[in-house]
Amino acid sequence: MAIVKRNLITTGLSGKLGKNLVFRQRKGKTILSVAAHYSGKRTVAQEQQKNRFKKASLYANTQKHDSELMEEYNRVAKEKGIYSGYNLAVSDYFHPPTIEKIDTSNYHGEIGDIIEIIAFDDFKVKRVELEIYSSDGSLFEKGHANEYAQNGKWHYAASVANSEYKGNKIVVKAFDYPGNERVKEVILD
């Protein structure tokens, strides 16, 4: 790939030249690269990846209509040294959030007890949901955690008294803006 600087002939040029060269414009720069060539038929895996990339591109293009969200993508992209907010949105589509930790040390089955979740994403986590299941597998409590710091920390305050919480299962689900989901479970002891 070549980047053209201050060339009167190629400045502002975009499109394909012959069969091998492609000119593009990015942030006021003219970029010259070799045209992609496809030989033969794509494999099933290649077709699936092509379709995933189409969906990721559609997602990123759709975000351009949400000026606040796209502004946020641009800000985070700049902080991370990523080329553009559009590129970050495409990347965000491919990567689900990560649940790093579920801290149940302050949960003792009382109303208001706090369960802390640390969840990250390459852009940001949109929401975190928490479910508590009794030892027999029935849903005991469900709700949304609240983000209390910009550093990926979320708090869930218990809303139901649970005197028999030992052996219960906590299921945490973290979602990002494209709708990717990550699930993590812990058993209370």
N, C-alpha and C. Protein backbone atom coordinates (compact mmCIF):
# COMPACT_ATOMS: atom_id res chain seq x y z
N MET A 1 0.85 -1.17 0.00
CA MET A 1 0.00 0.00 0.00
C MET A 1 0.90 1.23 0.00
N ALA A 2 0.56 2.19 -0.83
CA ALA A 2 1.31 3.44 -0.88
C ALA A 2 0.40 4.59 -0.50
N ILE A 3 0.96 5.58 0.17
CA ILE A 3 0.22 6.78 0.50
C ILE A 3 0.84 7.92 -0.28
N VAL A 4 0.02 8.61 -1.05
CA VAL A 4 0.49 9.68 -1.92
C VAL A 4 0.36 11.01 -1.18
N LYS A 5 1.46 11.79 -1.17
CA LYS A 5 1.46 13.09 -0.52
C LYS A 5 1.77 14.17 -1.55
N ARG A 6 0.95 15.18 -1.62
CA ARG A 6 1.14 16.36 -2.46
C ARG A 6 1.53 16.04 -3.90
N ASN A 7 0.77 15.20 -4.55
CA ASN A 7 1.01 14.87 -5.95
C ASN A 7 -0.16 15.42 -6.74
N LEU A 8 0.08 16.36 -7.62
CA LEU A 8 -0.99 17.03 -8.37
C LEU A 8 -1.77 16.07 -9.25
N ILE A 9 -1.15 15.01 -9.71
CA ILE A 9 -1.81 14.08 -10.62
C ILE A 9 -2.78 13.16 -9.88
N THR A 10 -2.39 12.66 -8.71
CA THR A 10 -3.22 11.66 -8.02
C THR A 10 -4.03 12.20 -6.86
N THR A 11 -3.82 13.43 -6.45
CA THR A 11 -4.57 13.99 -5.32
C THR A 11 -6.06 13.97 -5.63
N GLY A 12 -6.81 13.38 -4.73
CA GLY A 12 -8.26 13.31 -4.87
C GLY A 12 -8.75 12.18 -5.75
N LEU A 13 -7.86 11.41 -6.30
CA LEU A 13 -8.22 10.32 -7.19
C LEU A 13 -8.79 9.15 -6.39
N SER A 14 -9.86 8.55 -6.90
CA SER A 14 -10.39 7.34 -6.27
C SER A 14 -10.96 6.45 -7.34
N GLY A 15 -10.88 5.15 -7.09
CA GLY A 15 -11.41 4.17 -8.03
C GLY A 15 -10.33 3.23 -8.52
N LYS A 16 -10.71 2.37 -9.44
CA LYS A 16 -9.81 1.34 -9.95
C LYS A 16 -9.12 1.85 -11.20
N LEU A 17 -7.83 1.58 -11.31
CA LEU A 17 -7.05 1.94 -12.49
C LEU A 17 -6.53 0.65 -13.09
N GLY A 18 -7.05 0.31 -14.25
CA GLY A 18 -6.69 -0.98 -14.85
C GLY A 18 -7.27 -2.11 -14.04
N LYS A 19 -6.56 -3.24 -14.03
CA LYS A 19 -7.03 -4.40 -13.27
C LYS A 19 -6.32 -4.56 -11.93
N ASN A 20 -5.26 -3.78 -11.70
CA ASN A 20 -4.42 -4.06 -10.55
C ASN A 20 -4.34 -2.97 -9.49
N LEU A 21 -4.68 -1.73 -9.81
CA LEU A 21 -4.50 -0.64 -8.86
C LEU A 21 -5.83 -0.04 -8.42
N VAL A 22 -5.89 0.32 -7.13
CA VAL A 22 -7.09 0.95 -6.58
C VAL A 22 -6.65 2.19 -5.80
N PHE A 23 -7.30 3.32 -6.07
CA PHE A 23 -7.06 4.56 -5.33
C PHE A 23 -8.25 4.79 -4.40
N ARG A 24 -7.95 5.17 -3.13
CA ARG A 24 -9.00 5.47 -2.16
C ARG A 24 -8.66 6.78 -1.48
N GLN A 25 -9.69 7.41 -0.91
CA GLN A 25 -9.51 8.63 -0.13
C GLN A 25 -9.84 8.31 1.32
N ARG A 26 -8.91 8.64 2.22
CA ARG A 26 -9.12 8.47 3.65
C ARG A 26 -8.56 9.68 4.37
N LYS A 27 -9.43 10.42 5.03
CA LYS A 27 -9.02 11.59 5.82
C LYS A 27 -8.12 12.53 5.03
N GLY A 28 -8.51 12.81 3.80
CA GLY A 28 -7.79 13.77 2.97
C GLY A 28 -6.53 13.21 2.33
N LYS A 29 -6.27 11.93 2.48
CA LYS A 29 -5.09 11.32 1.88
C LYS A 29 -5.52 10.39 0.76
N THR A 30 -4.70 10.33 -0.27
CA THR A 30 -4.93 9.41 -1.37
C THR A 30 -4.13 8.15 -1.09
N ILE A 31 -4.78 7.00 -1.07
CA ILE A 31 -4.13 5.73 -0.78
C ILE A 31 -4.20 4.85 -2.01
N LEU A 32 -3.07 4.31 -2.40
CA LEU A 32 -2.96 3.43 -3.57
C LEU A 32 -2.69 2.02 -3.07
N SER A 33 -3.48 1.06 -3.54
CA SER A 33 -3.25 -0.33 -3.15
C SER A 33 -3.52 -1.25 -4.33
N VAL A 34 -3.13 -2.50 -4.16
CA VAL A 34 -3.36 -3.51 -5.19
C VAL A 34 -4.80 -3.97 -5.09
N ALA A 35 -5.44 -4.13 -6.23
CA ALA A 35 -6.83 -4.59 -6.26
C ALA A 35 -6.91 -6.04 -5.78
N ALA A 36 -7.97 -6.35 -5.07
CA ALA A 36 -8.18 -7.72 -4.59
C ALA A 36 -8.53 -8.62 -5.77
N HIS A 37 -7.99 -9.81 -5.76
CA HIS A 37 -8.28 -10.79 -6.81
C HIS A 37 -8.83 -12.05 -6.16
N TYR A 38 -9.88 -12.56 -6.70
CA TYR A 38 -10.49 -13.77 -6.18
C TYR A 38 -10.27 -14.89 -7.18
N SER A 39 -9.69 -15.96 -6.71
CA SER A 39 -9.46 -17.09 -7.61
C SER A 39 -10.34 -18.25 -7.16
N GLY A 40 -11.11 -18.74 -8.06
CA GLY A 40 -11.94 -19.89 -7.76
C GLY A 40 -13.14 -19.56 -6.90
N LYS A 41 -13.78 -20.59 -6.44
CA LYS A 41 -14.98 -20.47 -5.63
C LYS A 41 -14.61 -20.36 -4.15
N ARG A 42 -15.39 -19.59 -3.42
CA ARG A 42 -15.16 -19.45 -1.98
C ARG A 42 -15.61 -20.71 -1.25
N THR A 43 -14.91 -21.00 -0.15
CA THR A 43 -15.33 -22.11 0.70
C THR A 43 -16.53 -21.67 1.52
N VAL A 44 -17.16 -22.61 2.18
CA VAL A 44 -18.31 -22.29 3.04
C VAL A 44 -17.88 -21.33 4.13
N ALA A 45 -16.72 -21.57 4.73
CA ALA A 45 -16.22 -20.69 5.80
C ALA A 45 -15.96 -19.28 5.27
N GLN A 46 -15.43 -19.17 4.05
CA GLN A 46 -15.19 -17.85 3.46
C GLN A 46 -16.49 -17.13 3.19
N GLU A 47 -17.49 -17.83 2.72
CA GLU A 47 -18.82 -17.21 2.49
C GLU A 47 -19.43 -16.75 3.80
N GLN A 48 -19.30 -17.57 4.84
CA GLN A 48 -19.84 -17.19 6.14
C GLN A 48 -19.15 -15.93 6.67
N GLN A 49 -17.82 -15.87 6.52
CA GLN A 49 -17.08 -14.70 6.98
C GLN A 49 -17.45 -13.47 6.15
N LYS A 50 -17.62 -13.65 4.85
CA LYS A 50 -18.04 -12.54 3.98
C LYS A 50 -19.39 -12.00 4.44
N ASN A 51 -20.32 -12.89 4.76
CA ASN A 51 -21.64 -12.48 5.22
C ASN A 51 -21.57 -11.79 6.59
N ARG A 52 -20.70 -12.29 7.48
CA ARG A 52 -20.52 -11.63 8.78
C ARG A 52 -19.98 -10.22 8.58
N PHE A 53 -19.03 -10.07 7.65
CA PHE A 53 -18.45 -8.75 7.41
C PHE A 53 -19.49 -7.81 6.80
N LYS A 54 -20.35 -8.32 5.93
CA LYS A 54 -21.44 -7.49 5.38
C LYS A 54 -22.34 -6.99 6.51
N LYS A 55 -22.68 -7.88 7.44
CA LYS A 55 -23.52 -7.48 8.57
C LYS A 55 -22.81 -6.46 9.46
N ALA A 56 -21.50 -6.65 9.66
CA ALA A 56 -20.73 -5.70 10.46
C ALA A 56 -20.70 -4.34 9.79
N SER A 57 -20.52 -4.32 8.47
CA SER A 57 -20.51 -3.06 7.71
C SER A 57 -21.88 -2.39 7.77
N LEU A 58 -22.93 -3.18 7.66
CA LEU A 58 -24.29 -2.64 7.77
C LEU A 58 -24.51 -2.03 9.15
N TYR A 59 -24.05 -2.73 10.19
CA TYR A 59 -24.17 -2.20 11.55
C TYR A 59 -23.44 -0.87 11.66
N ALA A 60 -22.19 -0.80 11.19
CA ALA A 60 -21.40 0.43 11.29
C ALA A 60 -22.03 1.56 10.50
N ASN A 61 -22.56 1.26 9.31
CA ASN A 61 -23.22 2.30 8.51
C ASN A 61 -24.49 2.80 9.18
N THR A 62 -25.21 1.90 9.84
CA THR A 62 -26.43 2.29 10.55
C THR A 62 -26.12 3.25 11.69
N GLN A 63 -24.97 3.07 12.34
CA GLN A 63 -24.60 3.93 13.46
C GLN A 63 -24.36 5.37 13.03
N LYS A 64 -24.06 5.57 11.75
CA LYS A 64 -23.85 6.93 11.24
C LYS A 64 -25.12 7.79 11.40
N HIS A 65 -26.28 7.14 11.48
CA HIS A 65 -27.55 7.86 11.64
C HIS A 65 -27.83 8.21 13.11
N ASP A 66 -27.09 7.61 14.02
CA ASP A 66 -27.20 7.93 15.44
C ASP A 66 -25.99 8.79 15.80
N SER A 67 -26.15 10.10 15.66
CA SER A 67 -25.00 11.01 15.77
C SER A 67 -24.31 10.92 17.13
N GLU A 68 -25.07 10.74 18.21
CA GLU A 68 -24.45 10.65 19.54
C GLU A 68 -23.59 9.40 19.66
N LEU A 69 -24.12 8.26 19.21
CA LEU A 69 -23.37 7.01 19.31
C LEU A 69 -22.15 7.05 18.38
N MET A 70 -22.31 7.57 17.17
CA MET A 70 -21.18 7.63 16.25
C MET A 70 -20.10 8.58 16.77
N GLU A 71 -20.52 9.67 17.40
CA GLU A 71 -19.56 10.59 18.02
C GLU A 71 -18.77 9.86 19.11
N GLU A 72 -19.45 9.03 19.87
CA GLU A 72 -18.79 8.24 20.91
C GLU A 72 -17.83 7.22 20.30
N TYR A 73 -18.25 6.55 19.23
CA TYR A 73 -17.35 5.62 18.52
C TYR A 73 -16.11 6.38 18.04
N ASN A 74 -16.29 7.56 17.47
CA ASN A 74 -15.15 8.35 16.98
C ASN A 74 -14.22 8.74 18.13
N ARG A 75 -14.79 9.14 19.26
CA ARG A 75 -13.98 9.55 20.42
C ARG A 75 -13.15 8.38 20.93
N VAL A 76 -13.78 7.23 21.10
CA VAL A 76 -13.07 6.05 21.62
C VAL A 76 -12.02 5.58 20.60
N ALA A 77 -12.36 5.64 19.32
CA ALA A 77 -11.40 5.24 18.28
C ALA A 77 -10.16 6.12 18.34
N LYS A 78 -10.37 7.41 18.52
CA LYS A 78 -9.23 8.34 18.60
C LYS A 78 -8.37 8.01 19.82
N GLU A 79 -9.01 7.73 20.96
CA GLU A 79 -8.28 7.39 22.19
C GLU A 79 -7.45 6.12 22.01
N LYS A 80 -8.00 5.16 21.27
CA LYS A 80 -7.32 3.87 21.10
C LYS A 80 -6.38 3.85 19.89
N GLY A 81 -6.34 4.95 19.15
CA GLY A 81 -5.48 5.01 17.97
C GLY A 81 -6.01 4.20 16.80
N ILE A 82 -7.33 3.99 16.79
CA ILE A 82 -7.98 3.26 15.69
C ILE A 82 -8.33 4.28 14.61
N TYR A 83 -8.28 3.86 13.37
CA TYR A 83 -8.41 4.76 12.24
C TYR A 83 -9.67 5.62 12.28
N SER A 84 -10.81 5.03 12.58
CA SER A 84 -12.06 5.81 12.58
C SER A 84 -13.10 5.13 13.47
N GLY A 85 -14.14 5.89 13.79
CA GLY A 85 -15.25 5.34 14.55
C GLY A 85 -15.96 4.25 13.77
N TYR A 86 -16.01 4.39 12.46
CA TYR A 86 -16.62 3.37 11.61
C TYR A 86 -15.86 2.05 11.78
N ASN A 87 -14.53 2.11 11.73
CA ASN A 87 -13.72 0.90 11.88
C ASN A 87 -13.93 0.27 13.25
N LEU A 88 -14.03 1.10 14.29
CA LEU A 88 -14.29 0.59 15.63
C LEU A 88 -15.66 -0.08 15.69
N ALA A 89 -16.66 0.51 15.04
CA ALA A 89 -18.01 -0.08 15.02
C ALA A 89 -18.00 -1.44 14.33
N VAL A 90 -17.24 -1.56 13.23
CA VAL A 90 -17.12 -2.86 12.55
C VAL A 90 -16.46 -3.87 13.49
N SER A 91 -15.39 -3.46 14.14
CA SER A 91 -14.69 -4.34 15.07
C SER A 91 -15.60 -4.73 16.23
N ASP A 92 -16.36 -3.78 16.74
CA ASP A 92 -17.27 -4.02 17.85
C ASP A 92 -18.29 -5.10 17.51
N TYR A 93 -18.72 -5.12 16.25
CA TYR A 93 -19.69 -6.12 15.81
C TYR A 93 -19.14 -7.54 15.97
N PHE A 94 -17.83 -7.69 15.75
CA PHE A 94 -17.22 -9.02 15.78
C PHE A 94 -16.82 -9.49 17.18
N HIS A 95 -16.77 -8.59 18.16
CA HIS A 95 -16.23 -8.95 19.47
C HIS A 95 -17.26 -8.76 20.59
N PRO A 96 -17.68 -9.84 21.22
CA PRO A 96 -18.59 -9.72 22.37
C PRO A 96 -17.86 -9.16 23.58
N PRO A 97 -18.61 -8.65 24.54
CA PRO A 97 -17.96 -8.16 25.77
C PRO A 97 -17.31 -9.30 26.55
N THR A 98 -16.52 -8.92 27.53
CA THR A 98 -15.84 -9.87 28.40
C THR A 98 -16.31 -9.62 29.83
N ILE A 99 -16.66 -10.69 30.53
CA ILE A 99 -16.97 -10.59 31.96
C ILE A 99 -15.74 -11.07 32.69
N GLU A 100 -15.04 -10.14 33.29
CA GLU A 100 -13.78 -10.46 33.94
C GLU A 100 -13.99 -11.04 35.34
N LYS A 101 -14.99 -10.52 36.06
CA LYS A 101 -15.14 -10.94 37.45
C LYS A 101 -16.59 -10.77 37.91
N ILE A 102 -17.03 -11.71 38.73
CA ILE A 102 -18.30 -11.60 39.45
C ILE A 102 -17.95 -11.74 40.93
N ASP A 103 -18.06 -10.65 41.66
CA ASP A 103 -17.69 -10.63 43.08
C ASP A 103 -18.96 -10.75 43.93
N THR A 104 -19.11 -11.91 44.56
CA THR A 104 -20.30 -12.18 45.39
C THR A 104 -19.97 -12.11 46.88
N SER A 105 -18.80 -11.60 47.23
CA SER A 105 -18.38 -11.60 48.64
C SER A 105 -19.28 -10.75 49.54
N ASN A 106 -20.00 -9.79 48.97
CA ASN A 106 -20.90 -8.94 49.77
C ASN A 106 -22.36 -9.37 49.67
N TYR A 107 -22.60 -10.53 49.06
CA TYR A 107 -23.97 -11.03 48.95
C TYR A 107 -24.18 -12.12 50.00
N HIS A 108 -25.16 -11.86 50.89
CA HIS A 108 -25.47 -12.81 51.96
C HIS A 108 -26.98 -13.09 52.02
N GLY A 109 -27.66 -12.86 50.89
CA GLY A 109 -29.09 -13.15 50.81
C GLY A 109 -29.99 -12.07 51.35
N GLU A 110 -29.45 -10.90 51.65
CA GLU A 110 -30.25 -9.79 52.19
C GLU A 110 -30.62 -8.81 51.07
N ILE A 111 -31.77 -8.18 51.20
CA ILE A 111 -32.17 -7.15 50.25
C ILE A 111 -31.15 -6.02 50.33
N GLY A 112 -30.68 -5.58 49.15
CA GLY A 112 -29.69 -4.50 49.09
C GLY A 112 -28.25 -4.98 49.03
N ASP A 113 -28.01 -6.27 49.26
CA ASP A 113 -26.65 -6.80 49.13
C ASP A 113 -26.15 -6.57 47.70
N ILE A 114 -24.88 -6.23 47.59
CA ILE A 114 -24.31 -5.86 46.29
C ILE A 114 -23.49 -7.00 45.69
N ILE A 115 -23.75 -7.26 44.43
CA ILE A 115 -22.93 -8.16 43.63
C ILE A 115 -22.23 -7.27 42.61
N GLU A 116 -20.89 -7.33 42.59
CA GLU A 116 -20.13 -6.48 41.67
C GLU A 116 -19.69 -7.30 40.47
N ILE A 117 -19.86 -6.71 39.30
CA ILE A 117 -19.47 -7.34 38.04
C ILE A 117 -18.48 -6.42 37.36
N ILE A 118 -17.40 -6.99 36.84
CA ILE A 118 -16.47 -6.22 36.03
C ILE A 118 -16.59 -6.75 34.61
N ALA A 119 -17.06 -5.89 33.70
CA ALA A 119 -17.30 -6.29 32.31
C ALA A 119 -16.73 -5.23 31.37
N PHE A 120 -16.05 -5.69 30.32
CA PHE A 120 -15.42 -4.81 29.34
C PHE A 120 -15.85 -5.16 27.93
N ASP A 121 -15.63 -4.21 27.03
CA ASP A 121 -15.87 -4.42 25.60
C ASP A 121 -14.85 -3.58 24.84
N ASP A 122 -14.63 -3.90 23.57
CA ASP A 122 -13.69 -3.09 22.79
C ASP A 122 -14.23 -1.68 22.56
N PHE A 123 -15.55 -1.50 22.62
CA PHE A 123 -16.14 -0.16 22.61
C PHE A 123 -16.65 0.13 24.01
N LYS A 124 -17.83 -0.36 24.33
CA LYS A 124 -18.32 -0.28 25.70
C LYS A 124 -19.51 -1.22 25.89
N VAL A 125 -19.70 -1.62 27.12
CA VAL A 125 -20.80 -2.52 27.48
C VAL A 125 -22.08 -1.68 27.54
N LYS A 126 -23.12 -2.17 26.89
CA LYS A 126 -24.40 -1.45 26.88
C LYS A 126 -25.21 -1.73 28.14
N ARG A 127 -25.28 -3.02 28.52
CA ARG A 127 -26.05 -3.36 29.73
C ARG A 127 -25.56 -4.70 30.28
N VAL A 128 -25.83 -4.88 31.57
CA VAL A 128 -25.49 -6.12 32.26
C VAL A 128 -26.74 -6.59 32.99
N GLU A 129 -27.10 -7.85 32.77
CA GLU A 129 -28.26 -8.45 33.43
C GLU A 129 -27.77 -9.55 34.36
N LEU A 130 -28.50 -9.76 35.44
CA LEU A 130 -28.12 -10.78 36.41
C LEU A 130 -29.36 -11.60 36.79
N GLU A 131 -29.16 -12.90 36.89
CA GLU A 131 -30.22 -13.81 37.31
C GLU A 131 -29.69 -14.67 38.45
N ILE A 132 -30.54 -14.92 39.44
CA ILE A 132 -30.17 -15.82 40.52
C ILE A 132 -31.14 -17.00 40.48
N TYR A 133 -30.56 -18.21 40.43
CA TYR A 133 -31.36 -19.43 40.39
C TYR A 133 -31.15 -20.19 41.69
N SER A 134 -32.25 -20.69 42.25
CA SER A 134 -32.15 -21.48 43.47
C SER A 134 -31.48 -22.82 43.14
N SER A 135 -31.13 -23.56 44.17
CA SER A 135 -30.42 -24.83 43.95
C SER A 135 -31.25 -25.85 43.17
N ASP A 136 -32.58 -25.70 43.16
CA ASP A 136 -33.41 -26.62 42.37
C ASP A 136 -33.56 -26.17 40.91
N GLY A 137 -32.91 -25.06 40.54
CA GLY A 137 -32.90 -24.60 39.16
C GLY A 137 -33.97 -23.58 38.81
N SER A 138 -34.83 -23.22 39.77
CA SER A 138 -35.89 -22.25 39.46
C SER A 138 -35.33 -20.82 39.60
N LEU A 139 -35.86 -19.93 38.75
CA LEU A 139 -35.43 -18.53 38.77
C LEU A 139 -35.91 -17.88 40.06
N PHE A 140 -34.99 -17.32 40.81
CA PHE A 140 -35.30 -16.71 42.09
C PHE A 140 -35.41 -15.20 41.97
N GLU A 141 -34.50 -14.59 41.20
CA GLU A 141 -34.45 -13.14 41.08
C GLU A 141 -33.78 -12.77 39.76
N LYS A 142 -34.21 -11.64 39.19
CA LYS A 142 -33.65 -11.21 37.91
C LYS A 142 -33.68 -9.68 37.85
N GLY A 143 -32.66 -9.08 37.25
CA GLY A 143 -32.66 -7.63 37.11
C GLY A 143 -31.44 -7.13 36.37
N HIS A 144 -31.35 -5.81 36.27
CA HIS A 144 -30.25 -5.14 35.58
C HIS A 144 -29.27 -4.58 36.60
N ALA A 145 -27.99 -4.70 36.28
CA ALA A 145 -26.95 -4.08 37.09
C ALA A 145 -26.79 -2.65 36.62
N ASN A 146 -26.28 -1.80 37.49
CA ASN A 146 -26.04 -0.40 37.17
C ASN A 146 -24.55 -0.16 37.08
N GLU A 147 -24.14 0.56 36.04
CA GLU A 147 -22.73 0.90 35.91
C GLU A 147 -22.45 2.03 36.90
N TYR A 148 -21.48 1.84 37.76
CA TYR A 148 -21.21 2.88 38.75
C TYR A 148 -19.87 3.55 38.53
N ALA A 149 -19.12 3.12 37.57
CA ALA A 149 -17.85 3.79 37.25
C ALA A 149 -17.57 3.55 35.77
N GLN A 150 -16.81 4.45 35.18
CA GLN A 150 -16.47 4.33 33.77
C GLN A 150 -15.42 3.25 33.52
N ASN A 151 -15.02 2.54 34.54
CA ASN A 151 -13.95 1.56 34.39
C ASN A 151 -14.46 0.12 34.32
N GLY A 152 -15.68 -0.07 33.88
CA GLY A 152 -16.21 -1.41 33.68
C GLY A 152 -16.84 -2.05 34.90
N LYS A 153 -17.03 -1.28 35.97
CA LYS A 153 -17.62 -1.85 37.18
C LYS A 153 -19.14 -1.64 37.18
N TRP A 154 -19.84 -2.71 37.47
CA TRP A 154 -21.29 -2.70 37.53
C TRP A 154 -21.72 -3.26 38.88
N HIS A 155 -22.80 -2.72 39.43
CA HIS A 155 -23.35 -3.20 40.71
C HIS A 155 -24.76 -3.71 40.49
N TYR A 156 -25.04 -4.82 41.12
CA TYR A 156 -26.40 -5.33 41.18
C TYR A 156 -26.79 -5.38 42.65
N ALA A 157 -27.89 -4.72 43.00
CA ALA A 157 -28.39 -4.73 44.38
C ALA A 157 -29.54 -5.73 44.46
N ALA A 158 -29.40 -6.71 45.34
CA ALA A 158 -30.42 -7.74 45.51
C ALA A 158 -31.74 -7.11 45.91
N SER A 159 -32.84 -7.61 45.33
CA SER A 159 -34.15 -7.04 45.63
C SER A 159 -35.07 -8.03 46.34
N VAL A 160 -34.58 -9.26 46.55
CA VAL A 160 -35.38 -10.28 47.20
C VAL A 160 -34.53 -10.94 48.30
N ALA A 161 -35.11 -11.11 49.47
CA ALA A 161 -34.41 -11.81 50.56
C ALA A 161 -34.26 -13.28 50.19
N ASN A 162 -33.08 -13.83 50.49
CA ASN A 162 -32.77 -15.19 50.07
C ASN A 162 -32.00 -15.89 51.20
N SER A 163 -32.72 -16.46 52.14
CA SER A 163 -32.07 -17.06 53.31
C SER A 163 -31.31 -18.34 52.96
N GLU A 164 -31.67 -18.97 51.87
CA GLU A 164 -30.99 -20.21 51.45
C GLU A 164 -30.20 -19.97 50.17
N TYR A 165 -29.29 -19.00 50.21
CA TYR A 165 -28.56 -18.61 48.99
C TYR A 165 -27.39 -19.54 48.66
N LYS A 166 -26.87 -20.26 49.65
CA LYS A 166 -25.74 -21.15 49.37
C LYS A 166 -26.16 -22.25 48.40
N GLY A 167 -25.33 -22.44 47.37
CA GLY A 167 -25.65 -23.41 46.33
C GLY A 167 -26.45 -22.82 45.19
N ASN A 168 -26.87 -21.54 45.33
CA ASN A 168 -27.59 -20.87 44.24
C ASN A 168 -26.61 -20.55 43.12
N LYS A 169 -27.16 -20.43 41.92
CA LYS A 169 -26.34 -20.10 40.74
C LYS A 169 -26.65 -18.67 40.31
N ILE A 170 -25.59 -17.90 40.08
CA ILE A 170 -25.73 -16.55 39.55
C ILE A 170 -25.28 -16.57 38.10
N VAL A 171 -26.14 -16.07 37.22
CA VAL A 171 -25.84 -15.98 35.79
C VAL A 171 -25.79 -14.50 35.42
N VAL A 172 -24.65 -14.09 34.89
CA VAL A 172 -24.47 -12.70 34.46
C VAL A 172 -24.37 -12.68 32.95
N LYS A 173 -25.10 -11.73 32.33
CA LYS A 173 -25.07 -11.56 30.88
C LYS A 173 -24.67 -10.12 30.59
N ALA A 174 -23.62 -9.96 29.79
CA ALA A 174 -23.17 -8.63 29.37
C ALA A 174 -23.44 -8.48 27.88
N PHE A 175 -23.98 -7.33 27.50
CA PHE A 175 -24.34 -7.04 26.10
C PHE A 175 -23.59 -5.80 25.63
N ASP A 176 -23.18 -5.80 24.35
CA ASP A 176 -22.60 -4.60 23.78
C ASP A 176 -23.59 -3.98 22.80
N TYR A 177 -23.22 -2.88 22.16
CA TYR A 177 -24.14 -2.16 21.29
C TYR A 177 -24.59 -2.93 20.06
N PRO A 178 -23.74 -3.74 19.42
CA PRO A 178 -24.22 -4.53 18.29
C PRO A 178 -25.13 -5.69 18.70
N GLY A 179 -25.24 -5.96 20.02
CA GLY A 179 -26.12 -7.03 20.48
C GLY A 179 -25.38 -8.31 20.83
N ASN A 180 -24.05 -8.29 20.79
CA ASN A 180 -23.28 -9.46 21.21
C ASN A 180 -23.50 -9.70 22.70
N GLU A 181 -23.46 -10.96 23.07
CA GLU A 181 -23.73 -11.32 24.46
C GLU A 181 -22.64 -12.25 24.98
N ARG A 182 -22.25 -12.03 26.22
CA ARG A 182 -21.32 -12.93 26.92
C ARG A 182 -22.01 -13.36 28.21
N VAL A 183 -21.93 -14.64 28.54
CA VAL A 183 -22.58 -15.18 29.73
C VAL A 183 -21.52 -15.82 30.61
N LYS A 184 -21.65 -15.58 31.92
CA LYS A 184 -20.76 -16.21 32.89
C LYS A 184 -21.57 -16.60 34.11
N GLU A 185 -21.25 -17.74 34.68
CA GLU A 185 -21.99 -18.26 35.83
C GLU A 185 -21.06 -18.51 37.01
N VAL A 186 -21.61 -18.33 38.22
CA VAL A 186 -20.90 -18.72 39.45
C VAL A 186 -21.91 -19.38 40.39
N ILE A 187 -21.39 -20.29 41.22
CA ILE A 187 -22.21 -20.94 42.23
C ILE A 187 -21.84 -20.31 43.58
N LEU A 188 -22.86 -19.92 44.34
CA LEU A 188 -22.62 -19.32 45.66
C LEU A 188 -22.25 -20.40 46.66
N ASP A 189 -21.22 -20.12 47.46
CA ASP A 189 -20.85 -21.09 48.51
C ASP A 189 -20.89 -20.44 49.87
